[in-house]
C-alpha atoms as a PDB file:
ATOM      1  CA  MET A   1     116.095  90.786 115.558  1.00  0.00           C
ATOM      2  CA  SER A   2     116.908  91.444 111.957  1.00  0.00           C
ATOM      3  CA  ARG A   3     117.482  88.847 109.278  1.00  0.00           C
ATOM      4  CA  GLU A   4     121.202  89.649 109.418  1.00  0.00           C
ATOM      5  CA  ASP A   5     121.265  89.139 113.209  1.00  0.00           C
ATOM      6  CA  SER A   6     119.593  85.741 112.822  1.00  0.00           C
ATOM      7  CA  ARG A   7     122.129  84.698 110.204  1.00  0.00           C
ATOM      8  CA  ALA A   8     125.017  85.935 112.353  1.00  0.00           C
ATOM      9  CA  ILE A   9     123.885  83.822 115.319  1.00  0.00           C
ATOM     10  CA  VAL A  10     123.838  80.664 113.174  1.00  0.00           C
ATOM     11  CA  GLU A  11     127.319  81.430 111.871  1.00  0.00           C
ATOM     12  CA  THR A  12     128.477  81.941 115.478  1.00  0.00           C
ATOM     13  CA  ILE A  13     126.901  78.616 116.503  1.00  0.00           C
ATOM     14  CA  VAL A  14     128.884  76.787 113.817  1.00  0.00           C
ATOM     15  CA  ALA A  15     132.167  78.530 114.649  1.00  0.00           C
ATOM     16  CA  ALA A  16     131.789  77.788 118.378  1.00  0.00           C
ATOM     17  CA  TYR A  17     130.696  74.189 117.769  1.00  0.00           C
ATOM     18  CA  ASN A  18     133.619  73.498 115.456  1.00  0.00           C
ATOM     19  CA  ALA A  19     136.006  75.042 118.005  1.00  0.00           C
ATOM     20  CA  LYS A  20     134.431  72.810 120.709  1.00  0.00           C
ATOM     21  CA  ASP A  21     133.845  75.969 122.752  1.00  0.00           C
ATOM     22  CA  ALA A  22     130.994  75.027 125.103  1.00  0.00           C
ATOM     23  CA  ASP A  23     131.228  78.388 126.891  1.00  0.00           C
ATOM     24  CA  ALA A  24     130.711  80.343 123.662  1.00  0.00           C
ATOM     25  CA  LEU A  25     127.824  78.081 122.631  1.00  0.00           C
ATOM     26  CA  ALA A  26     126.108  78.249 126.016  1.00  0.00           C
ATOM     27  CA  ALA A  27     126.365  82.049 125.978  1.00  0.00           C
ATOM     28  CA  LEU A  28     124.088  82.086 122.907  1.00  0.00           C
ATOM     29  CA  TYR A  29     121.153  80.488 124.780  1.00  0.00           C
ATOM     30  CA  HIS A  30     118.522  81.932 127.125  1.00  0.00           C
ATOM     31  CA  GLU A  31     118.405  80.418 130.614  1.00  0.00           C
ATOM     32  CA  ASP A  32     114.971  78.934 129.783  1.00  0.00           C
ATOM     33  CA  ALA A  33     115.858  77.718 126.278  1.00  0.00           C
ATOM     34  CA  ARG A  34     114.618  74.401 124.902  1.00  0.00           C
ATOM     35  CA  TYR A  35     116.336  71.924 122.565  1.00  0.00           C
ATOM     36  CA  TRP A  36     114.660  69.054 120.716  1.00  0.00           C
ATOM     37  CA  SER A  37     115.944  66.652 118.065  1.00  0.00           C
ATOM     38  CA  ALA A  38     114.382  63.861 116.040  1.00  0.00           C
ATOM     39  CA  LEU A  39     116.705  61.491 117.927  1.00  0.00           C
ATOM     40  CA  GLY A  40     114.494  61.936 120.964  1.00  0.00           C
ATOM     41  CA  ASP A  41     116.691  64.492 122.698  1.00  0.00           C
ATOM     42  CA  TRP A  42     114.766  66.962 124.826  1.00  0.00           C
ATOM     43  CA  GLN A  43     116.729  69.462 126.864  1.00  0.00           C
ATOM     44  CA  GLU A  44     115.060  72.243 128.801  1.00  0.00           C
ATOM     45  CA  GLY A  45     117.022  75.042 130.438  1.00  0.00           C
ATOM     46  CA  LEU A  46     120.572  76.198 129.911  1.00  0.00           C
ATOM     47  CA  PRO A  47     122.232  73.713 132.322  1.00  0.00           C
ATOM     48  CA  ALA A  48     120.696  70.739 130.464  1.00  0.00           C
ATOM     49  CA  ILE A  49     121.574  72.192 127.059  1.00  0.00           C
ATOM     50  CA  ARG A  50     125.150  72.890 128.129  1.00  0.00           C
ATOM     51  CA  LYS A  51     125.516  69.315 129.426  1.00  0.00           C
ATOM     52  CA  HIS A  52     124.216  68.038 126.069  1.00  0.00           C
ATOM     53  CA  ILE A  53     126.727  70.215 124.175  1.00  0.00           C
ATOM     54  CA  GLU A  54     129.597  68.936 126.324  1.00  0.00           C
ATOM     55  CA  GLU A  55     128.461  65.336 125.782  1.00  0.00           C
ATOM     56  CA  LEU A  56     128.414  65.843 122.007  1.00  0.00           C
ATOM     57  CA  HIS A  57     131.932  67.296 122.124  1.00  0.00           C
ATOM     58  CA  ARG A  58     133.212  64.325 124.162  1.00  0.00           C
ATOM     59  CA  THR A  59     131.482  61.743 121.961  1.00  0.00           C
ATOM     60  CA  LEU A  60     132.390  63.338 118.616  1.00  0.00           C
ATOM     61  CA  PRO A  61     135.619  65.291 119.198  1.00  0.00           C
ATOM     62  CA  ASP A  62     136.481  65.683 115.507  1.00  0.00           C
ATOM     63  CA  GLU A  63     132.955  66.445 114.251  1.00  0.00           C
ATOM     64  CA  LYS A  64     132.674  69.566 112.098  1.00  0.00           C
ATOM     65  CA  MET A  65     129.528  71.341 110.954  1.00  0.00           C
ATOM     66  CA  GLU A  66     129.115  73.398 107.822  1.00  0.00           C
ATOM     67  CA  ILE A  67     126.207  75.521 106.675  1.00  0.00           C
ATOM     68  CA  LEU A  68     124.669  74.337 103.405  1.00  0.00           C
ATOM     69  CA  SER A  69     121.872  76.910 103.298  1.00  0.00           C
ATOM     70  CA  LEU A  70     120.580  79.509 105.701  1.00  0.00           C
ATOM     71  CA  ILE A  71     117.468  81.642 105.817  1.00  0.00           C
ATOM     72  CA  GLY A  72     117.309  84.266 108.528  1.00  0.00           C
ATOM     73  CA  GLY A  73     114.103  85.993 109.482  1.00  0.00           C
ATOM     74  CA  ASP A  74     112.827  88.213 112.252  1.00  0.00           C
ATOM     75  CA  GLY A  75     113.355  86.075 115.347  1.00  0.00           C
ATOM     76  CA  VAL A  76     113.990  82.826 113.499  1.00  0.00           C
ATOM     77  CA  ALA A  77     116.631  81.114 111.401  1.00  0.00           C
ATOM     78  CA  VAL A  78     116.306  77.923 109.387  1.00  0.00           C
ATOM     79  CA  ALA A  79     119.544  76.255 108.386  1.00  0.00           C
ATOM     80  CA  GLU A  80     120.599  73.127 106.558  1.00  0.00           C
ATOM     81  CA  PHE A  81     123.873  71.676 107.782  1.00  0.00           C
ATOM     82  CA  ARG A  82     126.317  68.910 106.983  1.00  0.00           C
ATOM     83  CA  SER A  83     128.083  67.259 109.877  1.00  0.00           C
ATOM     84  CA  THR A  84     131.221  65.230 109.186  1.00  0.00           C
ATOM     85  CA  GLY A  85     133.605  63.336 111.388  1.00  0.00           C
ATOM     86  CA  ARG A  86     134.304  59.954 112.890  1.00  0.00           C
ATOM     87  CA  SER A  87     132.025  58.061 115.275  1.00  0.00           C
ATOM     88  CA  PRO A  88     133.348  56.595 118.545  1.00  0.00           C
ATOM     89  CA  ALA A  89     133.544  53.248 116.685  1.00  0.00           C
ATOM     90  CA  GLY A  90     135.787  54.847 114.050  1.00  0.00           C
ATOM     91  CA  VAL A  91     133.156  55.072 111.300  1.00  0.00           C
ATOM     92  CA  GLU A  92     133.509  58.149 109.097  1.00  0.00           C
ATOM     93  CA  PHE A  93     130.229  59.967 108.571  1.00  0.00           C
ATOM     94  CA  SER A  94     128.613  62.783 106.648  1.00  0.00           C
ATOM     95  CA  ILE A  95     125.062  63.553 107.760  1.00  0.00           C
ATOM     96  CA  GLU A  96     122.789  66.358 106.609  1.00  0.00           C
ATOM     97  CA  PHE A  97     120.167  67.873 108.902  1.00  0.00           C
ATOM     98  CA  THR A  98     118.003  70.950 109.349  1.00  0.00           C
ATOM     99  CA  GLU A  99     117.592  73.181 112.385  1.00  0.00           C
ATOM    100  CA  VAL A 100     114.856  75.670 113.152  1.00  0.00           C
ATOM    101  CA  ILE A 101     116.301  78.172 115.608  1.00  0.00           C
ATOM    102  CA  GLU A 102     113.976  80.566 117.415  1.00  0.00           C
ATOM    103  CA  LEU A 103     115.458  83.731 118.861  1.00  0.00           C
ATOM    104  CA  ARG A 104     114.351  86.145 121.561  1.00  0.00           C
ATOM    105  CA  ASP A 105     116.169  89.307 122.610  1.00  0.00           C
ATOM    106  CA  GLY A 106     119.286  88.305 120.691  1.00  0.00           C
ATOM    107  CA  LYS A 107     119.589  84.805 122.166  1.00  0.00           C
ATOM    108  CA  ILE A 108     118.388  81.325 121.279  1.00  0.00           C
ATOM    109  CA  SER A 109     115.071  80.416 122.892  1.00  0.00           C
ATOM    110  CA  GLN A 110     114.452  77.116 121.089  1.00  0.00           C
ATOM    111  CA  VAL A 111     116.169  74.744 118.667  1.00  0.00           C
ATOM    112  CA  LYS A 112     114.465  71.938 116.760  1.00  0.00           C
ATOM    113  CA  VAL A 113     116.740  69.530 114.885  1.00  0.00           C
ATOM    114  CA  TYR A 114     115.324  67.466 112.023  1.00  0.00           C
ATOM    115  CA  LEU A 115     117.387  64.527 110.785  1.00  0.00           C
ATOM    116  CA  ASP A 116     117.072  60.868 109.892  1.00  0.00           C
ATOM    117  CA  PRO A 117     117.449  58.866 113.132  1.00  0.00           C
ATOM    118  CA  ASP A 118     118.186  55.664 111.186  1.00  0.00           C
ATOM    119  CA  GLU A 119     121.106  57.349 109.435  1.00  0.00           C
ATOM    120  CA  VAL A 120     122.551  58.443 112.782  1.00  0.00           C
ATOM    121  CA  ARG A 121     122.047  55.009 114.369  1.00  0.00           C
ATOM    122  CA  ALA A 122     123.819  53.352 111.427  1.00  0.00           C
ATOM    123  CA  VAL A 123     126.882  55.492 112.112  1.00  0.00           C
ATOM    124  CA  MET A 124     126.808  55.531 115.903  1.00  0.00           C
ATOM    125  CA  GLY A 125     125.864  51.905 116.375  1.00  0.00           C
END
């Protein structure tokens, strides 16, 4: 995959996430993809990742992501994001995080999300 392809996938992730389109997001992942976050989330395989996506959409229906910076390489993209919205308890939030997205054959094979768990817990309760 080219640098431009890697960047395009990240832009597609954000557009699908903000549209709460779980089908479009799931279509970006390999069947054997893996997802990890510093919150302790570990999802392996497309069904588990899709369930996680749907849970995020239910829990944070007005959350929006924006790309702050993005570096695309051959088979990898590293992006800094800002996520804004309102928690289930009604607390407005703005959280920055970084994702390392590994790609294989034009689809996501692994995502690692780096963020401050204490910042998320303070918002989510």
